[in-house]
Amino acid sequence: MKYVILCYSENTQPFTIPRQLSMVRGETLIGRTVRLLKEQGIEDILISTKDKRFEEYGEIYEPLYN
């Protein structure tokens, strides 16, 4: 099964970085999501974004249209 995580929002207000990259208890929100999916045996994870900072968390898919 393929899991798609949507991280395409460009609205960072009031943050200076995307919310998914915010640190909570020493772990980014996207990192925690990916870790929990992998703990359940899910390896096919696709992250929908155009921000290259998400590359370390999984395969990136950049949509052509918003």
PDB file of N, CA and C in Angstrom:
ATOM      1  N   MET A   1       0.841  -1.171   0.000  1.00  0.00           N
ATOM      2  CA  MET A   1       0.000   0.000   0.000  1.00  0.00           C
ATOM      3  C   MET A   1       0.888   1.238   0.000  1.00  0.00           C
ATOM      4  N   LYS A   2       0.523   2.228  -0.796  1.00  0.00           N
ATOM      5  CA  LYS A   2       1.272   3.481  -0.886  1.00  0.00           C
ATOM      6  C   LYS A   2       0.590   4.532  -0.018  1.00  0.00           C
ATOM      7  N   TYR A   3       1.380   5.235   0.784  1.00  0.00           N
ATOM      8  CA  TYR A   3       0.865   6.327   1.608  1.00  0.00           C
ATOM      9  C   TYR A   3       1.358   7.639   1.045  1.00  0.00           C
ATOM     10  N   VAL A   4       0.458   8.615   0.944  1.00  0.00           N
ATOM     11  CA  VAL A   4       0.801   9.945   0.457  1.00  0.00           C
ATOM     12  C   VAL A   4       0.600  10.927   1.607  1.00  0.00           C
ATOM     13  N   ILE A   5       1.636  11.698   1.891  1.00  0.00           N
ATOM     14  CA  ILE A   5       1.567  12.731   2.917  1.00  0.00           C
ATOM     15  C   ILE A   5       1.567  14.071   2.191  1.00  0.00           C
ATOM     16  N   LEU A   6       0.546  14.877   2.425  1.00  0.00           N
ATOM     17  CA  LEU A   6       0.410  16.151   1.746  1.00  0.00           C
ATOM     18  C   LEU A   6       1.114  17.250   2.547  1.00  0.00           C
ATOM     19  N   CYS A   7       2.148  17.832   1.961  1.00  0.00           N
ATOM     20  CA  CYS A   7       2.930  18.892   2.602  1.00  0.00           C
ATOM     21  C   CYS A   7       3.143  20.041   1.630  1.00  0.00           C
ATOM     22  N   TYR A   8       2.116  20.433   0.918  1.00  0.00           N
ATOM     23  CA  TYR A   8       2.293  21.377  -0.167  1.00  0.00           C
ATOM     24  C   TYR A   8       2.007  22.826   0.220  1.00  0.00           C
ATOM     25  N   SER A   9       1.487  23.076   1.377  1.00  0.00           N
ATOM     26  CA  SER A   9       1.102  24.429   1.762  1.00  0.00           C
ATOM     27  C   SER A   9       2.301  25.370   1.805  1.00  0.00           C
ATOM     28  N   GLU A  10       2.135  26.549   1.225  1.00  0.00           N
ATOM     29  CA  GLU A  10       3.185  27.564   1.264  1.00  0.00           C
ATOM     30  C   GLU A  10       2.944  28.574   2.377  1.00  0.00           C
ATOM     31  N   ASN A  11       1.833  28.466   3.075  1.00  0.00           N
ATOM     32  CA  ASN A  11       1.506  29.390   4.149  1.00  0.00           C
ATOM     33  C   ASN A  11       2.297  29.007   5.403  1.00  0.00           C
ATOM     34  N   THR A  12       3.268  29.816   5.763  1.00  0.00           N
ATOM     35  CA  THR A  12       4.097  29.520   6.939  1.00  0.00           C
ATOM     36  C   THR A  12       3.772  30.431   8.117  1.00  0.00           C
ATOM     37  N   GLN A  13       2.808  31.308   7.974  1.00  0.00           N
ATOM     38  CA  GLN A  13       2.465  32.242   9.047  1.00  0.00           C
ATOM     39  C   GLN A  13       1.912  31.493  10.245  1.00  0.00           C
ATOM     40  N   PRO A  14       2.247  31.768  11.449  1.00  0.00           N
ATOM     41  CA  PRO A  14       3.236  32.738  11.919  1.00  0.00           C
ATOM     42  C   PRO A  14       4.641  32.138  12.008  1.00  0.00           C
ATOM     43  N   PHE A  15       4.869  30.985  11.387  1.00  0.00           N
ATOM     44  CA  PHE A  15       6.155  30.307  11.446  1.00  0.00           C
ATOM     45  C   PHE A  15       7.094  30.830  10.351  1.00  0.00           C
ATOM     46  N   THR A  16       8.362  30.521  10.461  1.00  0.00           N
ATOM     47  CA  THR A  16       9.319  30.886   9.413  1.00  0.00           C
ATOM     48  C   THR A  16       9.661  29.686   8.531  1.00  0.00           C
ATOM     49  N   ILE A  17       9.214  28.503   8.935  1.00  0.00           N
ATOM     50  CA  ILE A  17       9.424  27.277   8.162  1.00  0.00           C
ATOM     51  C   ILE A  17       8.070  26.581   8.000  1.00  0.00           C
ATOM     52  N   PRO A  18       7.951  25.635   7.080  1.00  0.00           N
ATOM     53  CA  PRO A  18       6.689  24.886   6.978  1.00  0.00           C
ATOM     54  C   PRO A  18       6.351  24.210   8.307  1.00  0.00           C
ATOM     55  N   ARG A  19       5.091  24.186   8.638  1.00  0.00           N
ATOM     56  CA  ARG A  19       4.646  23.608   9.925  1.00  0.00           C
ATOM     57  C   ARG A  19       5.088  22.153  10.087  1.00  0.00           C
ATOM     58  N   GLN A  20       5.147  21.419   8.991  1.00  0.00           N
ATOM     59  CA  GLN A  20       5.516  20.004   9.052  1.00  0.00           C
ATOM     60  C   GLN A  20       6.963  19.813   9.505  1.00  0.00           C
ATOM     61  N   LEU A  21       7.785  20.848   9.379  1.00  0.00           N
ATOM     62  CA  LEU A  21       9.185  20.774   9.807  1.00  0.00           C
ATOM     63  C   LEU A  21       9.394  21.342  11.207  1.00  0.00           C
ATOM     64  N   SER A  22       8.308  21.714  11.879  1.00  0.00           N
ATOM     65  CA  SER A  22       8.394  22.210  13.250  1.00  0.00           C
ATOM     66  C   SER A  22       8.822  21.088  14.181  1.00  0.00           C
ATOM     67  N   MET A  23       9.649  21.437  15.154  1.00  0.00           N
ATOM     68  CA  MET A  23      10.145  20.450  16.115  1.00  0.00           C
ATOM     69  C   MET A  23       9.201  20.356  17.312  1.00  0.00           C
ATOM     70  N   VAL A  24       8.842  19.137  17.671  1.00  0.00           N
ATOM     71  CA  VAL A  24       8.045  18.854  18.865  1.00  0.00           C
ATOM     72  C   VAL A  24       8.725  17.705  19.578  1.00  0.00           C
ATOM     73  N   ARG A  25       9.183  17.963  20.789  1.00  0.00           N
ATOM     74  CA  ARG A  25       9.883  16.941  21.593  1.00  0.00           C
ATOM     75  C   ARG A  25      11.054  16.327  20.842  1.00  0.00           C
ATOM     76  N   GLY A  26      11.817  17.175  20.135  1.00  0.00           N
ATOM     77  CA  GLY A  26      13.037  16.723  19.465  1.00  0.00           C
ATOM     78  C   GLY A  26      12.854  16.022  18.137  1.00  0.00           C
ATOM     79  N   GLU A  27      11.637  16.084  17.576  1.00  0.00           N
ATOM     80  CA  GLU A  27      11.352  15.391  16.318  1.00  0.00           C
ATOM     81  C   GLU A  27      10.431  16.273  15.477  1.00  0.00           C
ATOM     82  N   THR A  28      10.692  16.336  14.165  1.00  0.00           N
ATOM     83  CA  THR A  28       9.791  17.106  13.304  1.00  0.00           C
ATOM     84  C   THR A  28       8.460  16.368  13.167  1.00  0.00           C
ATOM     85  N   LEU A  29       7.410  17.115  12.855  1.00  0.00           N
ATOM     86  CA  LEU A  29       6.095  16.498  12.694  1.00  0.00           C
ATOM     87  C   LEU A  29       6.090  15.502  11.536  1.00  0.00           C
ATOM     88  N   ILE A  30       6.730  15.866  10.423  1.00  0.00           N
ATOM     89  CA  ILE A  30       6.789  14.949   9.282  1.00  0.00           C
ATOM     90  C   ILE A  30       7.659  13.738   9.618  1.00  0.00           C
ATOM     91  N   GLY A  31       8.722  13.951  10.353  1.00  0.00           N
ATOM     92  CA  GLY A  31       9.585  12.849  10.764  1.00  0.00           C
ATOM     93  C   GLY A  31       8.853  11.850  11.645  1.00  0.00           C
ATOM     94  N   ARG A  32       8.030  12.365  12.550  1.00  0.00           N
ATOM     95  CA  ARG A  32       7.251  11.494  13.430  1.00  0.00           C
ATOM     96  C   ARG A  32       6.232  10.690  12.624  1.00  0.00           C
ATOM     97  N   THR A  33       5.569  11.347  11.689  1.00  0.00           N
ATOM     98  CA  THR A  33       4.582  10.658  10.853  1.00  0.00           C
ATOM     99  C   THR A  33       5.226   9.532  10.063  1.00  0.00           C
ATOM    100  N   VAL A  34       6.368   9.819   9.436  1.00  0.00           N
ATOM    101  CA  VAL A  34       7.076   8.803   8.656  1.00  0.00           C
ATOM    102  C   VAL A  34       7.557   7.670   9.562  1.00  0.00           C
ATOM    103  N   ARG A  35       8.089   8.014  10.725  1.00  0.00           N
ATOM    104  CA  ARG A  35       8.574   6.984  11.662  1.00  0.00           C
ATOM    105  C   ARG A  35       7.436   6.057  12.094  1.00  0.00           C
ATOM    106  N   LEU A  36       6.285   6.644  12.439  1.00  0.00           N
ATOM    107  CA  LEU A  36       5.156   5.820  12.873  1.00  0.00           C
ATOM    108  C   LEU A  36       4.648   4.912  11.756  1.00  0.00           C
ATOM    109  N   LEU A  37       4.626   5.419  10.522  1.00  0.00           N
ATOM    110  CA  LEU A  37       4.219   4.571   9.394  1.00  0.00           C
ATOM    111  C   LEU A  37       5.195   3.417   9.191  1.00  0.00           C
ATOM    112  N   LYS A  38       6.496   3.712   9.280  1.00  0.00           N
ATOM    113  CA  LYS A  38       7.504   2.657   9.107  1.00  0.00           C
ATOM    114  C   LYS A  38       7.446   1.631  10.224  1.00  0.00           C
ATOM    115  N   GLU A  39       7.121   2.073  11.437  1.00  0.00           N
ATOM    116  CA  GLU A  39       6.967   1.124  12.553  1.00  0.00           C
ATOM    117  C   GLU A  39       5.813   0.163  12.304  1.00  0.00           C
ATOM    118  N   GLN A  40       4.839   0.577  11.503  1.00  0.00           N
ATOM    119  CA  GLN A  40       3.706  -0.283  11.162  1.00  0.00           C
ATOM    120  C   GLN A  40       3.967  -1.113   9.907  1.00  0.00           C
ATOM    121  N   GLY A  41       5.204  -1.043   9.386  1.00  0.00           N
ATOM    122  CA  GLY A  41       5.567  -1.854   8.234  1.00  0.00           C
ATOM    123  C   GLY A  41       5.330  -1.188   6.891  1.00  0.00           C
ATOM    124  N   ILE A  42       4.987   0.079   6.890  1.00  0.00           N
ATOM    125  CA  ILE A  42       4.743   0.806   5.644  1.00  0.00           C
ATOM    126  C   ILE A  42       6.066   1.369   5.158  1.00  0.00           C
ATOM    127  N   GLU A  43       6.486   0.987   3.966  1.00  0.00           N
ATOM    128  CA  GLU A  43       7.750   1.474   3.410  1.00  0.00           C
ATOM    129  C   GLU A  43       7.541   2.357   2.178  1.00  0.00           C
ATOM    130  N   ASP A  44       6.390   2.273   1.545  1.00  0.00           N
ATOM    131  CA  ASP A  44       6.113   3.019   0.323  1.00  0.00           C
ATOM    132  C   ASP A  44       5.420   4.330   0.677  1.00  0.00           C
ATOM    133  N   ILE A  45       6.225   5.357   0.989  1.00  0.00           N
ATOM    134  CA  ILE A  45       5.709   6.642   1.449  1.00  0.00           C
ATOM    135  C   ILE A  45       6.081   7.713   0.432  1.00  0.00           C
ATOM    136  N   LEU A  46       5.089   8.467   0.005  1.00  0.00           N
ATOM    137  CA  LEU A  46       5.273   9.530  -0.970  1.00  0.00           C
ATOM    138  C   LEU A  46       4.885  10.851  -0.313  1.00  0.00           C
ATOM    139  N   ILE A  47       5.751  11.859  -0.421  1.00  0.00           N
ATOM    140  CA  ILE A  47       5.484  13.164   0.174  1.00  0.00           C
ATOM    141  C   ILE A  47       5.199  14.142  -0.960  1.00  0.00           C
ATOM    142  N   SER A  48       4.007  14.717  -0.958  1.00  0.00           N
ATOM    143  CA  SER A  48       3.609  15.660  -1.991  1.00  0.00           C
ATOM    144  C   SER A  48       4.004  17.072  -1.564  1.00  0.00           C
ATOM    145  N   THR A  49       5.048  17.617  -2.219  1.00  0.00           N
ATOM    146  CA  THR A  49       5.556  18.944  -1.889  1.00  0.00           C
ATOM    147  C   THR A  49       6.461  19.427  -3.001  1.00  0.00           C
ATOM    148  N   LYS A  50       6.803  20.694  -2.971  1.00  0.00           N
ATOM    149  CA  LYS A  50       7.817  21.199  -3.890  1.00  0.00           C
ATOM    150  C   LYS A  50       9.034  21.696  -3.111  1.00  0.00           C
ATOM    151  N   ASP A  51       9.002  21.529  -1.805  1.00  0.00           N
ATOM    152  CA  ASP A  51      10.075  21.981  -0.922  1.00  0.00           C
ATOM    153  C   ASP A  51      11.109  20.857  -0.764  1.00  0.00           C
ATOM    154  N   LYS A  52      12.334  21.107  -1.187  1.00  0.00           N
ATOM    155  CA  LYS A  52      13.380  20.077  -1.171  1.00  0.00           C
ATOM    156  C   LYS A  52      13.829  19.701   0.239  1.00  0.00           C
ATOM    157  N   ARG A  53      13.422  20.455   1.257  1.00  0.00           N
ATOM    158  CA  ARG A  53      13.803  20.113   2.637  1.00  0.00           C
ATOM    159  C   ARG A  53      13.143  18.824   3.115  1.00  0.00           C
ATOM    160  N   PHE A  54      12.142  18.337   2.400  1.00  0.00           N
ATOM    161  CA  PHE A  54      11.444  17.118   2.796  1.00  0.00           C
ATOM    162  C   PHE A  54      12.105  15.855   2.236  1.00  0.00           C
ATOM    163  N   GLU A  55      13.134  16.004   1.396  1.00  0.00           N
ATOM    164  CA  GLU A  55      13.757  14.849   0.747  1.00  0.00           C
ATOM    165  C   GLU A  55      14.303  13.823   1.726  1.00  0.00           C
ATOM    166  N   GLU A  56      14.773  14.257   2.876  1.00  0.00           N
ATOM    167  CA  GLU A  56      15.346  13.306   3.834  1.00  0.00           C
ATOM    168  C   GLU A  56      14.299  12.387   4.467  1.00  0.00           C
ATOM    169  N   TYR A  57      13.009  12.715   4.304  1.00  0.00           N
ATOM    170  CA  TYR A  57      11.953  11.926   4.934  1.00  0.00           C
ATOM    171  C   TYR A  57      11.315  10.904   4.003  1.00  0.00           C
ATOM    172  N   GLY A  58      11.580  11.004   2.712  1.00  0.00           N
ATOM    173  CA  GLY A  58      10.986  10.051   1.789  1.00  0.00           C
ATOM    174  C   GLY A  58      10.992  10.564   0.371  1.00  0.00           C
ATOM    175  N   GLU A  59      10.389   9.804  -0.496  1.00  0.00           N
ATOM    176  CA  GLU A  59      10.331  10.150  -1.910  1.00  0.00           C
ATOM    177  C   GLU A  59       9.424  11.362  -2.108  1.00  0.00           C
ATOM    178  N   ILE A  60       9.889  12.307  -2.920  1.00  0.00           N
ATOM    179  CA  ILE A  60       9.160  13.547  -3.154  1.00  0.00           C
ATOM    180  C   ILE A  60       8.384  13.467  -4.463  1.00  0.00           C
ATOM    181  N   TYR A  61       7.162  13.942  -4.416  1.00  0.00           N
ATOM    182  CA  TYR A  61       6.339  14.082  -5.617  1.00  0.00           C
ATOM    183  C   TYR A  61       5.943  15.542  -5.710  1.00  0.00           C
ATOM    184  N   GLU A  62       6.355  16.215  -6.759  1.00  0.00           N
ATOM    185  CA  GLU A  62       5.999  17.619  -6.952  1.00  0.00           C
ATOM    186  C   GLU A  62       4.858  17.733  -7.939  1.00  0.00           C
ATOM    187  N   PRO A  63       3.656  18.089  -7.462  1.00  0.00           N
ATOM    188  CA  PRO A  63       2.515  18.210  -8.364  1.00  0.00           C
ATOM    189  C   PRO A  63       2.729  19.323  -9.398  1.00  0.00           C
ATOM    190  N   LEU A  64       2.143  19.154 -10.567  1.00  0.00           N
ATOM    191  CA  LEU A  64       2.251  20.169 -11.609  1.00  0.00           C
ATOM    192  C   LEU A  64       1.329  21.340 -11.334  1.00  0.00           C
ATOM    193  N   TYR A  65       0.199  21.075 -10.693  1.00  0.00           N
ATOM    194  CA  TYR A  65      -0.794  22.109 -10.406  1.00  0.00           C
ATOM    195  C   TYR A  65      -1.104  22.099  -8.924  1.00  0.00           C
ATOM    196  N   ASN A  66      -1.425  23.270  -8.407  1.00  0.00           N
ATOM    197  CA  ASN A  66      -1.771  23.368  -6.988  1.00  0.00           C
ATOM    198  C   ASN A  66      -3.252  23.138  -6.826  1.00  0.00           C
TER     199      ASN A  66
END
